[in-house]
PDB file of all heavy atoms in Angstrom:
ATOM      1  N   LEU A   1     -43.980  30.789-235.819  1.00  0.00           N
ATOM      2  CA  LEU A   1     -43.836  29.425-235.330  1.00  0.00           C
ATOM      3  C   LEU A   1     -43.087  29.405-233.996  1.00  0.00           C
ATOM      4  O   LEU A   1     -43.508  28.738-233.048  1.00  0.00           O
ATOM      5  CB  LEU A   1     -43.091  28.573-236.361  1.00  0.00           C
ATOM      6  CG  LEU A   1     -42.867  27.117-236.009  1.00  0.00           C
ATOM      7  CD1 LEU A   1     -44.198  26.385-235.859  1.00  0.00           C
ATOM      8  CD2 LEU A   1     -42.009  26.454-237.071  1.00  0.00           C
ATOM      9  N   ILE A   2     -41.988  30.149-233.921  1.00  0.00           N
ATOM     10  CA  ILE A   2     -41.220  30.221-232.674  1.00  0.00           C
ATOM     11  C   ILE A   2     -42.079  30.805-231.555  1.00  0.00           C
ATOM     12  O   ILE A   2     -42.086  30.298-230.431  1.00  0.00           O
ATOM     13  CB  ILE A   2     -39.931  31.049-232.872  1.00  0.00           C
ATOM     14  CG1 ILE A   2     -38.946  30.288-233.775  1.00  0.00           C
ATOM     15  CG2 ILE A   2     -39.269  31.379-231.528  1.00  0.00           C
ATOM     16  CD1 ILE A   2     -37.771  31.129-234.253  1.00  0.00           C
ATOM     17  N   SER A   3     -42.827  31.858-231.877  1.00  0.00           N
ATOM     18  CA  SER A   3     -43.694  32.475-230.864  1.00  0.00           C
ATOM     19  C   SER A   3     -44.745  31.492-230.370  1.00  0.00           C
ATOM     20  O   SER A   3     -44.986  31.372-229.166  1.00  0.00           O
ATOM     21  CB  SER A   3     -44.392  33.709-231.433  1.00  0.00           C
ATOM     22  OG  SER A   3     -43.489  34.744-231.600  1.00  0.00           O
ATOM     23  N   ARG A   4     -45.375  30.798-231.306  1.00  0.00           N
ATOM     24  CA  ARG A   4     -46.448  29.869-230.948  1.00  0.00           C
ATOM     25  C   ARG A   4     -45.901  28.679-230.152  1.00  0.00           C
ATOM     26  O   ARG A   4     -46.468  28.283-229.141  1.00  0.00           O
ATOM     27  CB  ARG A   4     -47.165  29.386-232.203  1.00  0.00           C
ATOM     28  CG  ARG A   4     -48.411  28.581-231.911  1.00  0.00           C
ATOM     29  CD  ARG A   4     -49.241  28.288-233.160  1.00  0.00           C
ATOM     30  NE  ARG A   4     -48.508  27.475-234.117  1.00  0.00           N
ATOM     31  CZ  ARG A   4     -48.210  27.848-235.368  1.00  0.00           C
ATOM     32  NH1 ARG A   4     -48.590  29.028-235.814  1.00  0.00           N
ATOM     33  NH2 ARG A   4     -47.550  27.057-236.173  1.00  0.00           N
ATOM     34  N   LYS A   5     -44.797  28.116-230.599  1.00  0.00           N
ATOM     35  CA  LYS A   5     -44.273  26.911-229.961  1.00  0.00           C
ATOM     36  C   LYS A   5     -43.475  27.192-228.695  1.00  0.00           C
ATOM     37  O   LYS A   5     -43.461  26.381-227.772  1.00  0.00           O
ATOM     38  CB  LYS A   5     -43.388  26.124-230.941  1.00  0.00           C
ATOM     39  CG  LYS A   5     -44.121  25.604-232.148  1.00  0.00           C
ATOM     40  CD  LYS A   5     -45.076  24.508-231.765  1.00  0.00           C
ATOM     41  CE  LYS A   5     -45.752  23.932-233.003  1.00  0.00           C
ATOM     42  NZ  LYS A   5     -46.711  22.904-232.642  1.00  0.00           N
ATOM     43  N   MET A   6     -42.778  28.329-228.678  1.00  0.00           N
ATOM     44  CA  MET A   6     -41.879  28.613-227.565  1.00  0.00           C
ATOM     45  C   MET A   6     -42.359  29.760-226.678  1.00  0.00           C
ATOM     46  O   MET A   6     -41.748  30.039-225.651  1.00  0.00           O
ATOM     47  CB  MET A   6     -40.481  28.950-228.090  1.00  0.00           C
ATOM     48  CG  MET A   6     -39.893  27.881-229.005  1.00  0.00           C
ATOM     49  SD  MET A   6     -39.679  26.282-228.199  1.00  0.00           S
ATOM     50  CE  MET A   6     -38.366  26.642-227.077  1.00  0.00           C
ATOM     51  N   GLY A   7     -43.413  30.465-227.117  1.00  0.00           N
ATOM     52  CA  GLY A   7     -43.926  31.578-226.324  1.00  0.00           C
ATOM     53  C   GLY A   7     -43.023  32.791-226.308  1.00  0.00           C
ATOM     54  O   GLY A   7     -43.030  33.570-225.368  1.00  0.00           O
ATOM     55  N   LYS A   8     -42.237  32.958-227.368  1.00  0.00           N
ATOM     56  CA  LYS A   8     -41.305  34.084-227.422  1.00  0.00           C
ATOM     57  C   LYS A   8     -41.954  35.296-228.072  1.00  0.00           C
ATOM     58  O   LYS A   8     -42.840  35.177-228.901  1.00  0.00           O
ATOM     59  CB  LYS A   8     -40.042  33.685-228.181  1.00  0.00           C
ATOM     60  CG  LYS A   8     -39.245  32.630-227.449  1.00  0.00           C
ATOM     61  CD  LYS A   8     -37.903  32.422-228.058  1.00  0.00           C
ATOM     62  CE  LYS A   8     -37.119  31.436-227.194  1.00  0.00           C
ATOM     63  NZ  LYS A   8     -35.737  31.365-227.590  1.00  0.00           N
ATOM     64  N   SER A   9     -41.455  36.462-227.687  1.00  0.00           N
ATOM     65  CA  SER A   9     -41.968  37.715-228.242  1.00  0.00           C
ATOM     66  C   SER A   9     -41.331  37.984-229.604  1.00  0.00           C
ATOM     67  O   SER A   9     -40.404  37.288-230.034  1.00  0.00           O
ATOM     68  CB  SER A   9     -41.645  38.865-227.290  1.00  0.00           C
ATOM     69  OG  SER A   9     -40.242  39.039-227.228  1.00  0.00           O
ATOM     70  N   VAL A  10     -41.812  39.041-230.265  1.00  0.00           N
ATOM     71  CA  VAL A  10     -41.309  39.398-231.594  1.00  0.00           C
ATOM     72  C   VAL A  10     -39.814  39.673-231.548  1.00  0.00           C
ATOM     73  O   VAL A  10     -39.060  39.167-232.380  1.00  0.00           O
ATOM     74  CB  VAL A  10     -42.076  40.621-232.151  1.00  0.00           C
ATOM     75  CG1 VAL A  10     -41.436  41.128-233.424  1.00  0.00           C
ATOM     76  CG2 VAL A  10     -43.536  40.259-232.396  1.00  0.00           C
ATOM     77  N   TRP A  11     -39.357  40.467-230.602  1.00  0.00           N
ATOM     78  CA  TRP A  11     -37.920  40.786-230.576  1.00  0.00           C
ATOM     79  C   TRP A  11     -37.090  39.541-230.315  1.00  0.00           C
ATOM     80  O   TRP A  11     -35.994  39.399-230.831  1.00  0.00           O
ATOM     81  CB  TRP A  11     -37.611  41.900-229.577  1.00  0.00           C
ATOM     82  CG  TRP A  11     -37.695  41.494-228.133  1.00  0.00           C
ATOM     83  CD1 TRP A  11     -38.775  41.610-227.308  1.00  0.00           C
ATOM     84  CD2 TRP A  11     -36.650  40.906-227.347  1.00  0.00           C
ATOM     85  NE1 TRP A  11     -38.478  41.121-226.057  1.00  0.00           N
ATOM     86  CE2 TRP A  11     -37.176  40.686-226.046  1.00  0.00           C
ATOM     87  CE3 TRP A  11     -35.338  40.544-227.605  1.00  0.00           C
ATOM     88  CZ2 TRP A  11     -36.428  40.119-225.024  1.00  0.00           C
ATOM     89  CZ3 TRP A  11     -34.593  39.983-226.572  1.00  0.00           C
ATOM     90  CH2 TRP A  11     -35.141  39.781-225.304  1.00  0.00           C
ATOM     91  N   GLU A  12     -37.632  38.603-229.531  1.00  0.00           N
ATOM     92  CA  GLU A  12     -36.893  37.369-229.264  1.00  0.00           C
ATOM     93  C   GLU A  12     -36.775  36.500-230.515  1.00  0.00           C
ATOM     94  O   GLU A  12     -35.708  35.971-230.802  1.00  0.00           O
ATOM     95  CB  GLU A  12     -37.571  36.565-228.151  1.00  0.00           C
ATOM     96  CG  GLU A  12     -37.368  37.142-226.771  1.00  0.00           C
ATOM     97  CD  GLU A  12     -38.120  36.372-225.711  1.00  0.00           C
ATOM     98  OE1 GLU A  12     -39.348  36.180-225.856  1.00  0.00           O
ATOM     99  OE2 GLU A  12     -37.468  35.944-224.739  1.00  0.00           O
ATOM    100  N   PHE A  13     -37.875  36.377-231.283  1.00  0.00           N
ATOM    101  CA  PHE A  13     -37.775  35.531-232.462  1.00  0.00           C
ATOM    102  C   PHE A  13     -36.912  36.185-233.529  1.00  0.00           C
ATOM    103  O   PHE A  13     -36.203  35.507-234.275  1.00  0.00           O
ATOM    104  CB  PHE A  13     -39.132  35.063-232.987  1.00  0.00           C
ATOM    105  CG  PHE A  13     -39.917  36.014-233.843  1.00  0.00           C
ATOM    106  CD1 PHE A  13     -39.491  36.364-235.121  1.00  0.00           C
ATOM    107  CD2 PHE A  13     -41.133  36.508-233.402  1.00  0.00           C
ATOM    108  CE1 PHE A  13     -40.247  37.207-235.927  1.00  0.00           C
ATOM    109  CE2 PHE A  13     -41.896  37.346-234.205  1.00  0.00           C
ATOM    110  CZ  PHE A  13     -41.445  37.700-235.471  1.00  0.00           C
ATOM    111  N   ARG A  14     -36.933  37.496-233.616  1.00  0.00           N
ATOM    112  CA  ARG A  14     -36.035  38.164-234.574  1.00  0.00           C
ATOM    113  C   ARG A  14     -34.568  37.922-234.197  1.00  0.00           C
ATOM    114  O   ARG A  14     -33.720  37.748-235.054  1.00  0.00           O
ATOM    115  CB  ARG A  14     -36.350  39.647-234.653  1.00  0.00           C
ATOM    116  CG  ARG A  14     -37.683  39.933-235.310  1.00  0.00           C
ATOM    117  CD  ARG A  14     -37.824  41.370-235.748  1.00  0.00           C
ATOM    118  NE  ARG A  14     -39.167  41.693-236.144  1.00  0.00           N
ATOM    119  CZ  ARG A  14     -39.726  41.342-237.297  1.00  0.00           C
ATOM    120  NH1 ARG A  14     -39.052  40.636-238.165  1.00  0.00           N
ATOM    121  NH2 ARG A  14     -40.972  41.694-237.575  1.00  0.00           N
ATOM    122  N   THR A  15     -34.299  37.906-232.909  1.00  0.00           N
ATOM    123  CA  THR A  15     -32.951  37.606-232.427  1.00  0.00           C
ATOM    124  C   THR A  15     -32.566  36.167-232.781  1.00  0.00           C
ATOM    125  O   THR A  15     -31.431  35.896-233.189  1.00  0.00           O
ATOM    126  CB  THR A  15     -32.863  37.827-230.901  1.00  0.00           C
ATOM    127  OG1 THR A  15     -33.202  39.189-230.621  1.00  0.00           O
ATOM    128  CG2 THR A  15     -31.482  37.529-230.366  1.00  0.00           C
ATOM    129  N   GLU A  16     -33.524  35.244-232.643  1.00  0.00           N
ATOM    130  CA  GLU A  16     -33.271  33.840-232.994  1.00  0.00           C
ATOM    131  C   GLU A  16     -32.924  33.711-234.479  1.00  0.00           C
ATOM    132  O   GLU A  16     -31.969  33.025-234.846  1.00  0.00           O
ATOM    133  CB  GLU A  16     -34.507  32.983-232.695  1.00  0.00           C
ATOM    134  CG  GLU A  16     -34.866  32.889-231.247  1.00  0.00           C
ATOM    135  CD  GLU A  16     -34.117  31.798-230.515  1.00  0.00           C
ATOM    136  OE1 GLU A  16     -33.541  30.915-231.172  1.00  0.00           O
ATOM    137  OE2 GLU A  16     -34.114  31.838-229.276  1.00  0.00           O
ATOM    138  N   VAL A  17     -33.704  34.357-235.333  1.00  0.00           N
ATOM    139  CA  VAL A  17     -33.468  34.293-236.775  1.00  0.00           C
ATOM    140  C   VAL A  17     -32.116  34.913-237.111  1.00  0.00           C
ATOM    141  O   VAL A  17     -31.325  34.340-237.875  1.00  0.00           O
ATOM    142  CB  VAL A  17     -34.612  34.979-237.551  1.00  0.00           C
ATOM    143  CG1 VAL A  17     -34.277  35.122-239.023  1.00  0.00           C
ATOM    144  CG2 VAL A  17     -35.908  34.184-237.378  1.00  0.00           C
ATOM    145  N   ALA A  18     -31.823  36.069-236.545  1.00  0.00           N
ATOM    146  CA  ALA A  18     -30.532  36.722-236.792  1.00  0.00           C
ATOM    147  C   ALA A  18     -29.381  35.832-236.311  1.00  0.00           C
ATOM    148  O   ALA A  18     -28.319  35.777-236.946  1.00  0.00           O
ATOM    149  CB  ALA A  18     -30.482  38.081-236.093  1.00  0.00           C
ATOM    150  N   GLY A  19     -29.605  35.116-235.227  1.00  0.00           N
ATOM    151  CA  GLY A  19     -28.585  34.208-234.718  1.00  0.00           C
ATOM    152  C   GLY A  19     -28.287  33.070-235.676  1.00  0.00           C
ATOM    153  O   GLY A  19     -27.125  32.702-235.872  1.00  0.00           O
ATOM    154  N   VAL A  20     -29.319  32.525-236.298  1.00  0.00           N
ATOM    155  CA  VAL A  20     -29.115  31.448-237.276  1.00  0.00           C
ATOM    156  C   VAL A  20     -28.311  31.971-238.462  1.00  0.00           C
ATOM    157  O   VAL A  20     -27.344  31.338-238.896  1.00  0.00           O
ATOM    158  CB  VAL A  20     -30.463  30.854-237.748  1.00  0.00           C
ATOM    159  CG1 VAL A  20     -30.264  29.928-238.937  1.00  0.00           C
ATOM    160  CG2 VAL A  20     -31.144  30.123-236.608  1.00  0.00           C
ATOM    161  N   VAL A  21     -28.696  33.134-238.977  1.00  0.00           N
ATOM    162  CA  VAL A  21     -27.977  33.722-240.113  1.00  0.00           C
ATOM    163  C   VAL A  21     -26.525  34.014-239.712  1.00  0.00           C
ATOM    164  O   VAL A  21     -25.599  33.736-240.476  1.00  0.00           O
ATOM    165  CB  VAL A  21     -28.698  34.987-240.617  1.00  0.00           C
ATOM    166  CG1 VAL A  21     -27.866  35.708-241.666  1.00  0.00           C
ATOM    167  CG2 VAL A  21     -30.071  34.610-241.181  1.00  0.00           C
ATOM    168  N   GLY A  22     -26.325  34.532-238.524  1.00  0.00           N
ATOM    169  CA  GLY A  22     -24.971  34.802-238.048  1.00  0.00           C
ATOM    170  C   GLY A  22     -24.137  33.538-237.928  1.00  0.00           C
ATOM    171  O   GLY A  22     -22.947  33.528-238.263  1.00  0.00           O
ATOM    172  N   LYS A  23     -24.756  32.448-237.483  1.00  0.00           N
ATOM    173  CA  LYS A  23     -24.033  31.178-237.361  1.00  0.00           C
ATOM    174  C   LYS A  23     -23.635  30.647-238.737  1.00  0.00           C
ATOM    175  O   LYS A  23     -22.569  30.047-238.880  1.00  0.00           O
ATOM    176  CB  LYS A  23     -24.874  30.160-236.604  1.00  0.00           C
ATOM    177  CG  LYS A  23     -24.945  30.471-235.128  1.00  0.00           C
ATOM    178  CD  LYS A  23     -25.857  29.522-234.391  1.00  0.00           C
ATOM    179  CE  LYS A  23     -26.005  29.988-232.949  1.00  0.00           C
ATOM    180  NZ  LYS A  23     -26.942  29.189-232.196  1.00  0.00           N
ATOM    181  N   VAL A  24     -24.479  30.879-239.732  1.00  0.00           N
ATOM    182  CA  VAL A  24     -24.119  30.468-241.089  1.00  0.00           C
ATOM    183  C   VAL A  24     -22.867  31.225-241.526  1.00  0.00           C
ATOM    184  O   VAL A  24     -21.922  30.637-242.066  1.00  0.00           O
ATOM    185  CB  VAL A  24     -25.280  30.706-242.082  1.00  0.00           C
ATOM    186  CG1 VAL A  24     -24.817  30.548-243.522  1.00  0.00           C
ATOM    187  CG2 VAL A  24     -26.436  29.762-241.788  1.00  0.00           C
ATOM    188  N   ASN A  25     -22.841  32.517-241.276  1.00  0.00           N
ATOM    189  CA  ASN A  25     -21.673  33.318-241.654  1.00  0.00           C
ATOM    190  C   ASN A  25     -20.421  32.856-240.923  1.00  0.00           C
ATOM    191  O   ASN A  25     -19.337  32.769-241.519  1.00  0.00           O
ATOM    192  CB  ASN A  25     -21.930  34.805-241.400  1.00  0.00           C
ATOM    193  CG  ASN A  25     -23.001  35.356-242.313  1.00  0.00           C
ATOM    194  OD1 ASN A  25     -23.179  34.892-243.435  1.00  0.00           O
ATOM    195  ND2 ASN A  25     -23.725  36.345-241.846  1.00  0.00           N
ATOM    196  N   LEU A  26     -20.541  32.541-239.641  1.00  0.00           N
ATOM    197  CA  LEU A  26     -19.397  32.028-238.881  1.00  0.00           C
ATOM    198  C   LEU A  26     -18.930  30.676-239.420  1.00  0.00           C
ATOM    199  O   LEU A  26     -17.732  30.395-239.471  1.00  0.00           O
ATOM    200  CB  LEU A  26     -19.753  31.898-237.403  1.00  0.00           C
ATOM    201  CG  LEU A  26     -19.878  33.198-236.624  1.00  0.00           C
ATOM    202  CD1 LEU A  26     -20.382  32.922-235.208  1.00  0.00           C
ATOM    203  CD2 LEU A  26     -18.545  33.920-236.577  1.00  0.00           C
ATOM    204  N   THR A  27     -19.876  29.853-239.822  1.00  0.00           N
ATOM    205  CA  THR A  27     -19.538  28.551-240.383  1.00  0.00           C
ATOM    206  C   THR A  27     -18.746  28.711-241.678  1.00  0.00           C
ATOM    207  O   THR A  27     -17.753  28.009-241.903  1.00  0.00           O
ATOM    208  CB  THR A  27     -20.811  27.731-240.635  1.00  0.00           C
ATOM    209  OG1 THR A  27     -21.472  27.520-239.381  1.00  0.00           O
ATOM    210  CG2 THR A  27     -20.507  26.391-241.279  1.00  0.00           C
ATOM    211  N   ILE A  28     -19.175  29.646-242.520  1.00  0.00           N
ATOM    212  CA  ILE A  28     -18.459  29.894-243.775  1.00  0.00           C
ATOM    213  C   ILE A  28     -17.041  30.391-243.475  1.00  0.00           C
ATOM    214  O   ILE A  28     -16.074  29.920-244.085  1.00  0.00           O
ATOM    215  CB  ILE A  28     -19.233  30.889-244.663  1.00  0.00           C
ATOM    216  CG1 ILE A  28     -20.514  30.235-245.178  1.00  0.00           C
ATOM    217  CG2 ILE A  28     -18.363  31.382-245.813  1.00  0.00           C
ATOM    218  CD1 ILE A  28     -21.471  31.186-245.869  1.00  0.00           C
ATOM    219  N   GLU A  29     -16.915  31.319-242.539  1.00  0.00           N
ATOM    220  CA  GLU A  29     -15.590  31.826-242.176  1.00  0.00           C
ATOM    221  C   GLU A  29     -14.690  30.694-241.672  1.00  0.00           C
ATOM    222  O   GLU A  29     -13.524  30.593-242.049  1.00  0.00           O
ATOM    223  CB  GLU A  29     -15.710  32.908-241.103  1.00  0.00           C
ATOM    224  CG  GLU A  29     -16.285  34.212-241.605  1.00  0.00           C
ATOM    225  CD  GLU A  29     -16.526  35.206-240.484  1.00  0.00           C
ATOM    226  OE1 GLU A  29     -15.912  35.062-239.392  1.00  0.00           O
ATOM    227  OE2 GLU A  29     -17.321  36.130-240.690  1.00  0.00           O
ATOM    228  N   GLY A  30     -15.243  29.835-240.827  1.00  0.00           N
ATOM    229  CA  GLY A  30     -14.475  28.714-240.308  1.00  0.00           C
ATOM    230  C   GLY A  30     -14.069  27.743-241.399  1.00  0.00           C
ATOM    231  O   GLY A  30     -12.943  27.229-241.410  1.00  0.00           O
ATOM    232  N   LEU A  31     -14.978  27.510-242.320  1.00  0.00           N
ATOM    233  CA  LEU A  31     -14.675  26.625-243.449  1.00  0.00           C
ATOM    234  C   LEU A  31     -13.513  27.173-244.263  1.00  0.00           C
ATOM    235  O   LEU A  31     -12.588  26.433-244.624  1.00  0.00           O
ATOM    236  CB  LEU A  31     -15.917  26.467-244.327  1.00  0.00           C
ATOM    237  CG  LEU A  31     -15.769  25.641-245.601  1.00  0.00           C
ATOM    238  CD1 LEU A  31     -15.427  24.198-245.265  1.00  0.00           C
ATOM    239  CD2 LEU A  31     -17.037  25.721-246.424  1.00  0.00           C
ATOM    240  N   LEU A  32     -13.541  28.461-244.526  1.00  0.00           N
ATOM    241  CA  LEU A  32     -12.463  29.078-245.305  1.00  0.00           C
ATOM    242  C   LEU A  32     -11.137  29.033-244.547  1.00  0.00           C
ATOM    243  O   LEU A  32     -10.086  28.781-245.145  1.00  0.00           O
ATOM    244  CB  LEU A  32     -12.828  30.505-245.685  1.00  0.00           C
ATOM    245  CG  LEU A  32     -13.988  30.633-246.685  1.00  0.00           C
ATOM    246  CD1 LEU A  32     -14.380  32.086-246.862  1.00  0.00           C
ATOM    247  CD2 LEU A  32     -13.625  29.991-248.018  1.00  0.00           C
ATOM    248  N   GLU A  33     -11.182  29.256-243.241  1.00  0.00           N
ATOM    249  CA  GLU A  33      -9.960  29.174-242.437  1.00  0.00           C
ATOM    250  C   GLU A  33      -9.386  27.760-242.455  1.00  0.00           C
ATOM    251  O   GLU A  33      -8.173  27.581-242.599  1.00  0.00           O
ATOM    252  CB  GLU A  33     -10.235  29.609-240.998  1.00  0.00           C
ATOM    253  CG  GLU A  33     -10.446  31.097-240.853  1.00  0.00           C
ATOM    254  CD  GLU A  33     -10.859  31.492-239.446  1.00  0.00           C
ATOM    255  OE1 GLU A  33     -10.812  30.637-238.527  1.00  0.00           O
ATOM    256  OE2 GLU A  33     -11.231  32.657-239.259  1.00  0.00           O
TER     257      GLU A  33
END
């Protein structure tokens, strides 16, 4: 979907997905703090 809508390559969309997961982890850490 990201590739089709945004014209991003495979490595770029994998980076986007990893970024979302990473932000979730940061959010949990912040919540606990």
